[in-house]
Amino acid sequence: MIEAVYDVTIRDESIRLGQFLKLANLIESGAEAKEVIADGLVSVNDEVETRRGRQLVIGDVVSVGGMSVRVASGTDEPPAP
């Protein structure tokens, strides 16, 4: 079975992992983010990530608890050269 990946838009070019987990409603609080990340339950681009401050960029895929979300741009403009 193929797992669905949902896009979650961000305003800037990057976002910290802990902030993104809250934005995507994958966790309820910063304390919960710290816990699930420290326990190795979060992966970024199919690799376990234990740094809450990890900078995510457009296109990164974050997975936790069987859900996967992709960091998406909130603008329709292509990135600057």
N, C-alpha and C. Protein backbone atom coordinates (compact mmCIF):
# COMPACT_ATOMS: atom_id res chain seq x y z
N MET A 1 0.82 -1.18 0.00
CA MET A 1 0.00 0.00 0.00
C MET A 1 0.87 1.25 0.00
N ILE A 2 0.56 2.20 -0.84
CA ILE A 2 1.33 3.42 -0.94
C ILE A 2 0.84 4.44 0.09
N GLU A 3 1.78 5.01 0.81
CA GLU A 3 1.46 5.99 1.84
C GLU A 3 1.28 7.37 1.20
N ALA A 4 0.20 8.05 1.57
CA ALA A 4 -0.05 9.40 1.04
C ALA A 4 0.87 10.40 1.73
N VAL A 5 1.36 11.35 0.96
CA VAL A 5 2.20 12.42 1.49
C VAL A 5 1.44 13.72 1.26
N TYR A 6 1.22 14.46 2.34
CA TYR A 6 0.49 15.72 2.25
C TYR A 6 1.46 16.90 2.29
N ASP A 7 1.15 17.96 1.53
CA ASP A 7 1.97 19.16 1.52
C ASP A 7 1.52 20.11 2.62
N VAL A 8 2.49 20.68 3.33
CA VAL A 8 2.23 21.71 4.33
C VAL A 8 3.10 22.91 3.94
N THR A 9 2.45 24.03 3.66
CA THR A 9 3.19 25.21 3.19
C THR A 9 3.81 25.98 4.34
N ILE A 10 4.99 26.54 4.05
CA ILE A 10 5.68 27.41 5.01
C ILE A 10 5.87 28.77 4.34
N ARG A 11 6.06 29.80 5.17
CA ARG A 11 6.19 31.17 4.66
C ARG A 11 7.60 31.48 4.16
N ASP A 12 8.60 30.92 4.83
CA ASP A 12 9.99 31.24 4.50
C ASP A 12 10.63 30.11 3.71
N GLU A 13 11.94 30.21 3.51
CA GLU A 13 12.65 29.19 2.74
C GLU A 13 12.97 27.95 3.56
N SER A 14 12.95 28.10 4.90
CA SER A 14 13.25 26.96 5.76
C SER A 14 12.47 27.10 7.06
N ILE A 15 12.42 25.99 7.82
CA ILE A 15 11.73 25.95 9.10
C ILE A 15 12.40 24.87 9.95
N ARG A 16 12.44 25.08 11.27
CA ARG A 16 13.01 24.08 12.16
C ARG A 16 12.05 22.89 12.28
N LEU A 17 12.63 21.72 12.46
CA LEU A 17 11.85 20.48 12.53
C LEU A 17 10.77 20.55 13.60
N GLY A 18 11.11 20.99 14.81
CA GLY A 18 10.13 21.06 15.88
C GLY A 18 8.96 21.97 15.54
N GLN A 19 9.25 23.10 14.92
CA GLN A 19 8.21 24.04 14.50
C GLN A 19 7.32 23.42 13.43
N PHE A 20 7.94 22.71 12.49
CA PHE A 20 7.19 22.11 11.40
C PHE A 20 6.24 21.02 11.90
N LEU A 21 6.69 20.24 12.87
CA LEU A 21 5.83 19.19 13.41
C LEU A 21 4.55 19.79 13.99
N LYS A 22 4.68 20.94 14.67
CA LYS A 22 3.50 21.61 15.22
C LYS A 22 2.65 22.20 14.11
N LEU A 23 3.28 22.86 13.13
CA LEU A 23 2.55 23.47 12.02
C LEU A 23 1.73 22.42 11.27
N ALA A 24 2.31 21.26 11.08
CA ALA A 24 1.65 20.18 10.32
C ALA A 24 0.65 19.40 11.17
N ASN A 25 0.50 19.79 12.43
CA ASN A 25 -0.41 19.11 13.36
C ASN A 25 -0.05 17.64 13.57
N LEU A 26 1.24 17.33 13.48
CA LEU A 26 1.68 15.96 13.74
C LEU A 26 1.88 15.74 15.24
N ILE A 27 2.07 16.82 15.98
CA ILE A 27 2.20 16.78 17.43
C ILE A 27 1.44 17.99 17.98
N GLU A 28 1.23 18.00 19.31
CA GLU A 28 0.43 19.06 19.91
C GLU A 28 1.23 20.17 20.58
N SER A 29 2.48 19.88 20.97
CA SER A 29 3.25 20.89 21.70
C SER A 29 4.74 20.75 21.42
N GLY A 30 5.47 21.79 21.80
CA GLY A 30 6.92 21.76 21.66
C GLY A 30 7.53 20.67 22.52
N ALA A 31 6.94 20.44 23.69
CA ALA A 31 7.45 19.39 24.57
C ALA A 31 7.27 18.01 23.93
N GLU A 32 6.14 17.82 23.27
CA GLU A 32 5.90 16.54 22.59
C GLU A 32 6.86 16.38 21.42
N ALA A 33 7.13 17.49 20.71
CA ALA A 33 8.08 17.45 19.60
C ALA A 33 9.45 17.00 20.10
N LYS A 34 9.88 17.60 21.20
CA LYS A 34 11.19 17.25 21.77
C LYS A 34 11.25 15.76 22.09
N GLU A 35 10.17 15.25 22.67
CA GLU A 35 10.11 13.85 23.08
C GLU A 35 10.15 12.89 21.89
N VAL A 36 9.29 13.09 20.90
CA VAL A 36 9.25 12.15 19.77
C VAL A 36 10.52 12.20 18.94
N ILE A 37 11.12 13.39 18.84
CA ILE A 37 12.38 13.52 18.10
C ILE A 37 13.50 12.80 18.86
N ALA A 38 13.60 13.05 20.17
CA ALA A 38 14.65 12.42 20.99
C ALA A 38 14.50 10.89 21.01
N ASP A 39 13.27 10.40 20.92
CA ASP A 39 13.03 8.96 20.93
C ASP A 39 13.27 8.30 19.56
N GLY A 40 13.66 9.10 18.56
CA GLY A 40 13.95 8.55 17.24
C GLY A 40 12.73 8.16 16.44
N LEU A 41 11.58 8.79 16.75
CA LEU A 41 10.34 8.44 16.07
C LEU A 41 10.05 9.30 14.84
N VAL A 42 10.95 10.24 14.55
CA VAL A 42 10.76 11.17 13.43
C VAL A 42 11.84 10.91 12.38
N SER A 43 11.41 10.86 11.12
CA SER A 43 12.40 10.74 10.05
C SER A 43 12.22 11.88 9.06
N VAL A 44 13.33 12.30 8.48
CA VAL A 44 13.34 13.33 7.45
C VAL A 44 13.98 12.69 6.22
N ASN A 45 13.24 12.67 5.13
CA ASN A 45 13.72 12.06 3.90
C ASN A 45 14.20 10.62 4.14
N ASP A 46 13.39 9.87 4.90
CA ASP A 46 13.63 8.45 5.20
C ASP A 46 14.86 8.18 6.07
N GLU A 47 15.35 9.20 6.79
CA GLU A 47 16.46 9.00 7.72
C GLU A 47 16.03 9.52 9.09
N VAL A 48 16.24 8.72 10.14
CA VAL A 48 15.87 9.13 11.49
C VAL A 48 16.60 10.42 11.84
N GLU A 49 15.86 11.38 12.39
CA GLU A 49 16.43 12.68 12.76
C GLU A 49 16.20 12.92 14.25
N THR A 50 17.27 13.23 14.98
CA THR A 50 17.17 13.45 16.42
C THR A 50 17.48 14.89 16.81
N ARG A 51 17.61 15.78 15.83
CA ARG A 51 17.88 17.20 16.13
C ARG A 51 16.61 18.01 15.93
N ARG A 52 16.06 18.54 17.02
CA ARG A 52 14.83 19.33 16.94
C ARG A 52 15.04 20.60 16.11
N GLY A 53 16.27 21.13 16.11
CA GLY A 53 16.57 22.36 15.38
C GLY A 53 16.95 22.15 13.92
N ARG A 54 16.88 20.93 13.45
CA ARG A 54 17.22 20.63 12.04
C ARG A 54 16.44 21.56 11.12
N GLN A 55 17.13 22.22 10.20
CA GLN A 55 16.48 23.12 9.26
C GLN A 55 15.91 22.31 8.09
N LEU A 56 14.62 22.42 7.90
CA LEU A 56 13.95 21.78 6.77
C LEU A 56 13.81 22.78 5.65
N VAL A 57 13.91 22.30 4.42
CA VAL A 57 13.75 23.16 3.25
C VAL A 57 12.64 22.58 2.37
N ILE A 58 12.21 23.38 1.39
CA ILE A 58 11.16 22.97 0.48
C ILE A 58 11.50 21.61 -0.14
N GLY A 59 10.54 20.68 -0.09
CA GLY A 59 10.74 19.36 -0.68
C GLY A 59 11.09 18.28 0.33
N ASP A 60 11.54 18.66 1.54
CA ASP A 60 11.84 17.66 2.56
C ASP A 60 10.55 16.95 2.96
N VAL A 61 10.63 15.65 3.23
CA VAL A 61 9.48 14.86 3.66
C VAL A 61 9.73 14.40 5.09
N VAL A 62 8.80 14.74 5.99
CA VAL A 62 8.90 14.40 7.40
C VAL A 62 7.86 13.33 7.72
N SER A 63 8.28 12.27 8.41
CA SER A 63 7.37 11.18 8.77
C SER A 63 7.41 10.95 10.27
N VAL A 64 6.23 10.74 10.84
CA VAL A 64 6.10 10.40 12.26
C VAL A 64 4.75 9.71 12.45
N GLY A 65 4.76 8.62 13.20
CA GLY A 65 3.52 7.92 13.51
C GLY A 65 2.72 7.47 12.32
N GLY A 66 3.40 7.06 11.25
CA GLY A 66 2.70 6.57 10.07
C GLY A 66 2.17 7.65 9.14
N MET A 67 2.40 8.92 9.48
CA MET A 67 1.97 10.04 8.63
C MET A 67 3.21 10.68 8.01
N SER A 68 3.08 11.11 6.75
CA SER A 68 4.18 11.79 6.08
C SER A 68 3.68 13.11 5.50
N VAL A 69 4.47 14.16 5.69
CA VAL A 69 4.14 15.47 5.14
C VAL A 69 5.36 16.06 4.47
N ARG A 70 5.11 16.82 3.40
CA ARG A 70 6.18 17.43 2.62
C ARG A 70 6.19 18.93 2.88
N VAL A 71 7.38 19.49 3.05
CA VAL A 71 7.54 20.93 3.20
C VAL A 71 7.30 21.56 1.83
N ALA A 72 6.33 22.48 1.76
CA ALA A 72 5.98 23.11 0.48
C ALA A 72 6.09 24.62 0.59
N SER A 73 6.33 25.25 -0.54
CA SER A 73 6.44 26.70 -0.60
C SER A 73 5.07 27.34 -0.59
N GLY A 74 4.96 28.46 0.12
CA GLY A 74 3.70 29.18 0.17
C GLY A 74 3.54 30.16 -0.97
N THR A 75 4.54 30.22 -1.86
CA THR A 75 4.47 31.15 -3.01
C THR A 75 4.45 30.36 -4.30
N ASP A 76 3.92 30.98 -5.32
CA ASP A 76 3.90 30.34 -6.64
C ASP A 76 5.11 30.73 -7.47
N GLU A 77 5.94 31.62 -6.91
CA GLU A 77 7.11 32.08 -7.66
C GLU A 77 8.23 31.06 -7.56
N PRO A 78 8.99 30.89 -8.64
CA PRO A 78 10.13 29.98 -8.57
C PRO A 78 11.21 30.60 -7.69
N PRO A 79 12.09 29.78 -7.11
CA PRO A 79 13.16 30.32 -6.27
C PRO A 79 14.07 31.25 -7.06
N ALA A 80 14.64 32.21 -6.39
CA ALA A 80 15.57 33.16 -7.04
C ALA A 80 16.82 32.42 -7.46
N PRO A 81 17.43 32.82 -8.58
CA PRO A 81 18.66 32.13 -9.05
C PRO A 81 19.83 32.37 -8.14
